[in-house]
Amino acid sequence: MGLERTAPDTGLGLTAPDTRDTGYTGDTRTGEGAGDPAHKPPHRDRRWGRVLLAVLVAAAVVVPLSAAARPRIPAPAPVVLPPLTRATLNAAYAANRADAAEASRMAEAHGDTARAAVDGSLAAPGRQLLAFDGRGSGRVTEVDGDLAHADRVAVLVPGSDTSLDTYGRFRRTARALSRELDRQAPAGTRTAVVSWLGYETPGTVSATVLTTGRAEQAAPHLRDLVRELRAVVGERPHLTLVCHSYGSVVCGRAANGLDVCDIALIGSPGTGAGSVAELRTAARVWAARGGDDWVADVPHVHADLLGTTVGFGTDPMDPAFGARRFSAGKGGHSDYFAPGSPSLTNLARIVLGAPSEVRGD
C-alpha cells in the first residue's frame, strides 16, 4: 500500500499545507492581513489543532508499519576512545572512519546498498568524525574546519527526520555555513562547524514530534558534546548552537548552564520554555523565521492528551519570549542556509561573535 502523492517534508514532522512548490517563489498567502499573525483567520488554530490530532492518530498506524518494513541494519558497536582532547583529536577521526568503513561492509553484506554508500562516504579520507554509530537510524558527529585551533565554533542541531539515510541533506547545511564563515571571517580568524546528529530525531509522521520527549533524551548528549568541545578548544573560543526546527526544542532542554556564547533558534516551533529567562542560560538567545516558513502557523500551546503534554509553549519570535530577533528573509522552512540569504549571512555573524552586525527582523 502506498500513496501516489506526498506533501512537502516540513522538518518538524508535521505535513505542511501542500502547495506543490519546490522552492520559495513569493508569498502565496492572500487576503487581508496575509502573513500578519495579528490577522490570522479565526479558524486557523482549530485547523492546526485537527492536524495535531491527526498526526497522533496516524502515528499509531504508520510508525509500526514503517518499522516493520525495513529490517534493522547491522553495524559494529561504536569504538571506545580515550577522552577527547586536542592531542587525541586526529586519532578519534581515524578510529571513527574505520568504524564507518566496517559499517559500510556490513550494510553491503546485508543488502542495504544505500546505507552502505552513506557509511562508505563517511569513511573517506579527510572526513573528520568525532563520533559514529551505524546502528539503527545512526548517529554521527562531523567537523568541518580545524577544530583544534578554531577561534569560532558552530554546532548545528538538526530537526526531525534526520538520520544517516538523510545525512547528506544535513551535511549540505553545514558546508554552506562553513563557506559563509570563511567568506566573512576577519583575517586570522579560524572557524569550525560541527554537525551533530547525536540523537534519534522524531519521524516525519509520529507522536514524538509533538512532545519534548526526544529532546529530553537528547539534551544530556548535547551537553556532553559541548564539554568535549571545550576540552579540545579551551574556554576562550566563541561557541554557538544553531538549532533548526525540532532541534530548537533539544537546545531549549540542554540550555541550562551550558557553556556556550550564543544560541540561535531558526524555524522554531518553540523550546518547551515560556521565555529566555526560563532557559536559564547566560548565552545570548536569537530567533529568526523565514517569511514563507509554515511553522508560523503552528499554535503555541500546551495540551494534555493521553497522558502526554503536546506542544512547545511560547513562540520564540514573540517579543514576550525575549529572544533577539534577526532577519531570515522570505525563505521557507528549509531555506535558512541558502547561499546569499539574509538568514545565512546573519547566522555567520552570530557565530563570528559580531552581534552588532546582525540585522534585525
Protein backbone atom coordinates (compact mmCIF):
# COMPACT_ATOMS: atom_id res chain seq x y z
CA MET A 1 0.00 0.00 0.00
CA GLY A 2 1.40 3.39 -0.93
CA LEU A 3 0.47 6.96 -1.58
CA GLU A 4 0.61 8.48 -5.03
CA ARG A 5 1.32 11.96 -3.67
CA THR A 6 3.28 13.06 -0.64
CA ALA A 7 3.13 16.54 0.82
CA PRO A 8 6.35 18.52 1.40
CA ASP A 9 8.59 17.45 4.27
CA THR A 10 8.32 20.07 6.98
CA GLY A 11 11.41 19.35 9.07
CA LEU A 12 9.37 19.36 12.27
CA GLY A 13 7.42 16.25 11.43
CA LEU A 14 4.06 17.77 10.57
CA THR A 15 2.89 17.82 6.97
CA ALA A 16 2.76 21.35 5.63
CA PRO A 17 -0.12 22.60 3.51
CA ASP A 18 0.52 21.06 0.10
CA THR A 19 1.18 23.89 -2.34
CA ARG A 20 3.33 21.59 -4.51
CA ASP A 21 6.07 24.22 -4.51
CA THR A 22 9.69 23.19 -4.92
CA GLY A 23 11.06 26.45 -3.57
CA TYR A 24 10.14 29.94 -2.48
CA THR A 25 8.57 31.97 -5.28
CA GLY A 26 6.86 34.67 -3.27
CA ASP A 27 4.18 34.96 -0.61
CA THR A 28 1.40 32.55 -1.62
CA ARG A 29 -0.91 33.71 1.17
CA THR A 30 -3.70 36.02 0.05
CA GLY A 31 -6.38 38.17 1.61
CA GLU A 32 -6.43 40.93 4.18
CA GLY A 33 -3.52 40.76 6.58
CA ALA A 34 -1.77 37.88 4.73
CA GLY A 35 1.38 36.94 6.60
CA ASP A 36 0.43 39.05 9.61
CA PRO A 37 -0.11 36.90 12.74
CA ALA A 38 -2.40 39.58 14.14
CA HIS A 39 -4.83 38.96 11.25
CA LYS A 40 -4.88 35.15 11.21
CA PRO A 41 -8.32 33.78 10.30
CA PRO A 42 -10.15 32.57 13.42
CA HIS A 43 -10.37 29.02 12.03
CA ARG A 44 -6.59 28.63 11.65
CA ASP A 45 -5.83 27.45 15.18
CA ARG A 46 -8.73 25.00 15.01
CA ARG A 47 -7.37 23.67 11.70
CA TRP A 48 -3.89 23.10 13.19
CA GLY A 49 -5.46 21.53 16.26
CA ARG A 50 -7.04 18.97 13.95
CA VAL A 51 -3.65 18.45 12.27
CA LEU A 52 -2.01 17.74 15.64
CA LEU A 53 -4.64 15.15 16.48
CA ALA A 54 -4.46 13.61 13.01
CA VAL A 55 -0.70 13.20 13.31
CA LEU A 56 -1.06 11.42 16.64
CA VAL A 57 -3.66 9.04 15.21
CA ALA A 58 -1.65 8.40 12.04
CA ALA A 59 1.46 7.70 14.08
CA ALA A 60 -0.24 4.79 15.80
CA VAL A 61 -0.57 3.11 12.39
CA VAL A 62 2.24 4.46 10.20
CA VAL A 63 5.17 4.21 12.60
CA PRO A 64 4.76 0.49 13.41
CA LEU A 65 4.29 -0.29 9.70
CA SER A 66 7.39 1.70 8.77
CA ALA A 67 9.48 -0.03 11.41
CA ALA A 68 8.34 -3.44 10.18
CA ALA A 69 9.01 -2.58 6.55
CA ARG A 70 12.76 -2.19 6.98
CA PRO A 71 14.85 -4.72 8.90
CA ARG A 72 17.40 -3.37 11.34
CA ILE A 73 20.73 -2.72 9.62
CA PRO A 74 23.71 -4.45 11.22
CA ALA A 75 26.71 -2.35 12.23
CA PRO A 76 29.51 -2.60 14.77
CA ALA A 77 29.20 -1.02 18.19
CA PRO A 78 30.91 2.39 18.40
CA VAL A 79 34.61 2.29 19.15
CA VAL A 80 35.69 3.07 22.70
CA LEU A 81 38.02 6.04 22.64
CA PRO A 82 40.10 7.87 25.24
CA PRO A 83 38.79 11.25 26.43
CA LEU A 84 38.72 13.75 23.62
CA THR A 85 41.48 16.37 23.74
CA ARG A 86 43.42 18.35 21.19
CA ALA A 87 46.13 15.66 21.29
CA THR A 88 43.68 12.77 20.65
CA LEU A 89 41.55 14.51 18.02
CA ASN A 90 43.18 13.02 14.91
CA ALA A 91 43.18 9.53 16.42
CA ALA A 92 39.44 9.87 17.08
CA TYR A 93 38.84 10.92 13.48
CA ALA A 94 40.75 7.90 12.18
CA ALA A 95 39.07 5.40 14.51
CA ASN A 96 35.58 6.60 13.60
CA ARG A 97 36.39 6.49 9.86
CA ALA A 98 37.47 2.88 10.32
CA ASP A 99 34.22 2.15 12.16
CA ALA A 100 32.23 3.73 9.32
CA ALA A 101 34.12 1.57 6.80
CA GLU A 102 33.24 -1.59 8.72
CA ALA A 103 29.60 -0.46 8.97
CA SER A 104 29.59 0.03 5.20
CA ARG A 105 30.84 -3.52 4.62
CA MET A 106 28.21 -4.93 6.97
CA ALA A 107 25.39 -2.93 5.35
CA GLU A 108 26.54 -4.08 1.90
CA ALA A 109 26.53 -7.71 3.02
CA HIS A 110 23.04 -7.15 4.45
CA GLY A 111 21.84 -5.92 1.06
CA ASP A 112 21.31 -2.28 2.00
CA THR A 113 23.37 -0.57 -0.67
CA ALA A 114 22.03 2.90 0.15
CA ARG A 115 23.20 2.76 3.77
CA ALA A 116 26.47 1.16 2.66
CA ALA A 117 27.08 4.15 0.38
CA VAL A 118 26.41 6.66 3.17
CA ASP A 119 28.70 4.82 5.60
CA GLY A 120 31.35 4.47 2.92
CA SER A 121 31.33 8.20 2.17
CA LEU A 122 31.84 8.94 5.87
CA ALA A 123 34.83 6.58 5.87
CA ALA A 124 36.57 8.52 3.10
CA PRO A 125 39.98 10.07 3.81
CA GLY A 126 39.64 13.60 5.13
CA ARG A 127 36.27 13.12 6.83
CA GLN A 128 36.59 14.31 10.43
CA LEU A 129 34.25 12.22 12.57
CA LEU A 130 34.14 12.95 16.27
CA ALA A 131 31.63 10.12 16.73
CA PHE A 132 29.95 7.45 14.61
CA ASP A 133 27.35 4.75 15.22
CA GLY A 134 25.92 2.97 12.20
CA ARG A 135 23.28 1.03 14.08
CA GLY A 136 19.59 1.75 13.59
CA SER A 137 18.85 5.27 12.38
CA GLY A 138 22.50 6.11 13.05
CA ARG A 139 24.48 8.79 14.83
CA VAL A 140 27.35 10.89 13.55
CA THR A 141 29.20 14.00 14.70
CA GLU A 142 31.35 15.55 11.99
CA VAL A 143 33.67 18.55 11.88
CA ASP A 144 34.33 20.97 9.04
CA GLY A 145 37.44 23.03 9.65
CA ASP A 146 40.36 22.94 12.05
CA LEU A 147 38.64 22.32 15.37
CA ALA A 148 41.87 22.07 17.36
CA HIS A 149 42.79 25.68 16.54
CA ALA A 150 39.38 27.26 15.96
CA ASP A 151 38.50 30.65 17.40
CA ARG A 152 34.82 30.39 16.45
CA VAL A 153 32.85 27.12 16.55
CA ALA A 154 29.26 26.48 15.46
CA VAL A 155 27.32 23.36 16.47
CA LEU A 156 24.38 22.51 14.21
CA VAL A 157 21.46 20.71 15.88
CA PRO A 158 19.02 19.25 13.33
CA GLY A 159 15.28 18.80 13.41
CA SER A 160 13.03 15.84 12.72
CA ASP A 161 13.51 13.13 10.12
CA THR A 162 17.29 13.46 10.16
CA SER A 163 19.22 10.19 10.16
CA LEU A 164 22.17 8.56 8.42
CA ASP A 165 19.85 7.91 5.48
CA THR A 166 19.19 11.66 5.09
CA TYR A 167 22.59 12.82 6.36
CA GLY A 168 23.61 14.31 3.02
CA ARG A 169 20.95 16.99 3.38
CA PHE A 170 22.17 17.90 6.86
CA ARG A 171 25.77 17.87 5.67
CA ARG A 172 24.97 20.41 2.96
CA THR A 173 23.72 22.91 5.54
CA ALA A 174 26.99 22.57 7.46
CA ARG A 175 29.05 23.09 4.33
CA ALA A 176 27.01 26.19 3.44
CA LEU A 177 27.62 27.72 6.87
CA SER A 178 31.30 26.79 6.75
CA ARG A 179 31.75 28.55 3.39
CA GLU A 180 29.90 31.64 4.64
CA LEU A 181 32.11 31.77 7.73
CA ASP A 182 35.19 31.58 5.51
CA ARG A 183 33.80 34.46 3.44
CA GLN A 184 33.02 36.73 6.39
CA ALA A 185 35.72 35.86 8.91
CA PRO A 186 38.33 38.57 9.54
CA ALA A 187 41.87 37.73 8.53
CA GLY A 188 43.45 35.34 11.01
CA THR A 189 40.13 34.08 12.44
CA ARG A 190 39.81 30.28 12.30
CA THR A 191 36.40 28.62 12.28
CA ALA A 192 34.88 25.16 12.58
CA VAL A 193 31.37 23.80 12.09
CA VAL A 194 30.24 20.69 13.96
CA SER A 195 27.31 18.72 12.52
CA TRP A 196 25.74 16.94 15.48
CA LEU A 197 23.40 14.09 14.63
CA GLY A 198 23.67 12.81 18.18
CA TYR A 199 20.09 11.81 18.95
CA GLU A 200 17.19 9.86 17.48
CA THR A 201 15.20 12.59 15.81
CA PRO A 202 11.41 12.28 15.61
CA GLY A 203 9.94 10.88 12.42
CA THR A 204 8.03 12.92 9.89
CA VAL A 205 4.78 11.30 10.99
CA SER A 206 4.99 10.42 14.67
CA ALA A 207 3.57 11.31 18.03
CA THR A 208 7.08 12.03 19.35
CA VAL A 209 7.49 15.10 17.14
CA LEU A 210 4.77 16.90 19.10
CA THR A 211 6.32 16.44 22.55
CA THR A 212 9.60 17.24 24.29
CA GLY A 213 10.36 13.55 24.96
CA ARG A 214 13.03 13.07 22.30
CA ALA A 215 14.54 16.45 23.19
CA GLU A 216 14.81 15.48 26.85
CA GLN A 217 16.60 12.27 25.85
CA ALA A 218 18.93 14.22 23.56
CA ALA A 219 19.80 17.08 25.92
CA PRO A 220 22.36 15.20 28.09
CA HIS A 221 24.19 14.09 24.94
CA LEU A 222 24.34 17.66 23.64
CA ARG A 223 25.72 18.81 26.98
CA ASP A 224 28.36 16.06 26.77
CA LEU A 225 29.34 17.24 23.30
CA VAL A 226 29.80 20.83 24.48
CA ARG A 227 32.01 19.63 27.34
CA GLU A 228 34.09 17.58 24.87
CA LEU A 229 34.45 20.54 22.55
CA ARG A 230 35.62 22.73 25.42
CA ALA A 231 38.20 20.06 26.28
CA VAL A 232 39.56 20.42 22.74
CA VAL A 233 39.31 24.16 22.09
CA GLY A 234 39.57 25.54 25.65
CA GLU A 235 37.50 28.23 27.29
CA ARG A 236 38.41 31.17 25.07
CA PRO A 237 36.83 30.33 21.67
CA HIS A 238 33.35 31.56 20.87
CA LEU A 239 30.89 28.62 20.76
CA THR A 240 27.42 28.90 19.18
CA LEU A 241 24.49 26.48 18.94
CA VAL A 242 22.49 26.76 15.71
CA CYS A 243 19.22 24.93 16.30
CA HIS A 244 16.76 24.22 13.48
CA SER A 245 13.10 23.27 13.91
CA TYR A 246 12.73 20.43 16.47
CA GLY A 247 16.45 20.92 17.17
CA SER A 248 15.47 24.12 18.95
CA VAL A 249 13.48 22.02 21.42
CA VAL A 250 16.65 20.00 22.05
CA CYS A 251 18.66 23.19 22.59
CA GLY A 252 15.99 24.52 24.91
CA ARG A 253 16.20 21.40 27.06
CA ALA A 254 20.03 21.49 27.12
CA ALA A 255 20.48 25.25 27.63
CA ASN A 256 20.52 25.39 31.43
CA GLY A 257 24.08 26.34 32.39
CA LEU A 258 25.53 25.25 29.04
CA ASP A 259 28.95 26.74 28.28
CA VAL A 260 28.08 28.45 25.00
CA CYS A 261 28.08 32.11 23.99
CA ASP A 262 25.07 32.19 21.64
CA ILE A 263 22.02 30.05 20.86
CA ALA A 264 20.31 30.71 17.52
CA LEU A 265 16.80 29.28 17.04
CA ILE A 266 15.67 29.08 13.41
CA GLY A 267 12.29 27.85 12.19
CA SER A 268 11.46 27.03 15.78
CA PRO A 269 8.08 25.64 16.92
CA GLY A 270 9.05 26.59 20.49
CA THR A 271 11.60 25.45 23.03
CA GLY A 272 9.41 23.99 25.73
CA ALA A 273 10.06 27.14 27.78
CA GLY A 274 7.92 30.22 28.22
CA SER A 275 10.77 32.72 27.94
CA VAL A 276 14.51 33.13 27.59
CA ALA A 277 14.71 33.51 31.37
CA GLU A 278 13.23 30.02 31.77
CA LEU A 279 16.06 28.57 29.66
CA ARG A 280 18.45 29.55 32.47
CA THR A 281 21.32 30.37 30.16
CA ALA A 282 23.91 33.12 30.15
CA ALA A 283 24.13 32.85 26.36
CA ARG A 284 22.58 35.38 24.02
CA VAL A 285 19.45 33.79 22.56
CA TRP A 286 18.49 34.63 18.99
CA ALA A 287 15.43 33.73 16.91
CA ALA A 288 14.53 34.01 13.24
CA ARG A 289 11.79 32.77 10.95
CA GLY A 290 11.58 32.99 7.17
CA GLY A 291 8.63 34.82 5.66
CA ASP A 292 7.39 31.65 3.96
CA ASP A 293 8.06 29.24 6.83
CA TRP A 294 4.91 27.22 7.58
CA VAL A 295 5.93 26.88 11.24
CA ALA A 296 4.50 30.36 11.82
CA ASP A 297 1.05 28.75 11.64
CA VAL A 298 1.67 26.19 14.38
CA PRO A 299 -0.32 27.06 17.53
CA HIS A 300 1.93 27.65 20.52
CA VAL A 301 0.00 25.77 23.15
CA HIS A 302 0.40 23.05 25.76
CA ALA A 303 -2.33 20.42 25.70
CA ASP A 304 -2.64 17.24 27.75
CA LEU A 305 -3.52 14.30 25.53
CA LEU A 306 -3.39 10.62 26.51
CA GLY A 307 -1.14 11.41 29.45
CA THR A 308 1.35 13.39 27.34
CA THR A 309 1.82 17.15 27.04
CA VAL A 310 1.67 18.19 23.39
CA GLY A 311 3.20 21.46 22.16
CA PHE A 312 6.23 23.62 22.93
CA GLY A 313 4.94 26.79 24.54
CA THR A 314 5.76 30.38 23.68
CA ASP A 315 6.76 31.27 20.13
CA PRO A 316 10.45 32.34 20.19
CA MET A 317 9.50 35.11 17.75
CA ASP A 318 7.04 36.55 20.26
CA PRO A 319 8.57 39.65 21.90
CA ALA A 320 7.36 38.25 25.23
CA PHE A 321 9.79 35.33 24.83
CA GLY A 322 12.72 37.76 24.98
CA ALA A 323 14.98 36.49 22.17
CA ARG A 324 16.97 38.80 19.93
CA ARG A 325 15.17 38.56 16.60
CA PHE A 326 17.15 38.66 13.37
CA SER A 327 16.20 38.72 9.71
CA ALA A 328 15.81 35.45 7.80
CA GLY A 329 14.37 36.94 4.60
CA LYS A 330 11.45 35.45 2.69
CA GLY A 331 12.56 31.81 2.63
CA GLY A 332 10.74 28.70 3.77
CA HIS A 333 11.41 26.11 6.45
CA SER A 334 14.34 24.54 4.61
CA ASP A 335 15.94 27.76 3.32
CA TYR A 336 17.86 29.09 6.32
CA PHE A 337 21.22 28.03 4.90
CA ALA A 338 20.61 29.10 1.31
CA PRO A 339 23.72 30.87 -0.06
CA GLY A 340 23.25 34.62 -0.15
CA SER A 341 20.21 34.57 2.12
CA PRO A 342 19.81 37.06 4.98
CA SER A 343 19.49 34.14 7.41
CA LEU A 344 22.84 32.58 6.44
CA THR A 345 24.55 35.98 6.49
CA ASN A 346 23.22 36.72 9.97
CA LEU A 347 23.96 33.24 11.31
CA ALA A 348 27.60 33.65 10.27
CA ARG A 349 27.77 37.00 12.07
CA ILE A 350 26.37 35.41 15.23
CA VAL A 351 28.89 32.55 15.05
CA LEU A 352 31.71 35.03 14.47
CA GLY A 353 30.75 36.88 17.65
CA ALA A 354 29.68 40.09 15.92
CA PRO A 355 26.23 40.80 17.40
CA SER A 356 26.29 44.46 16.44
CA GLU A 357 26.45 43.45 12.76
CA VAL A 358 23.39 41.16 12.90
CA ARG A 359 20.46 42.65 11.01
CA GLY A 360 17.18 42.76 12.90
CA ASP A 361 13.86 41.22 11.97
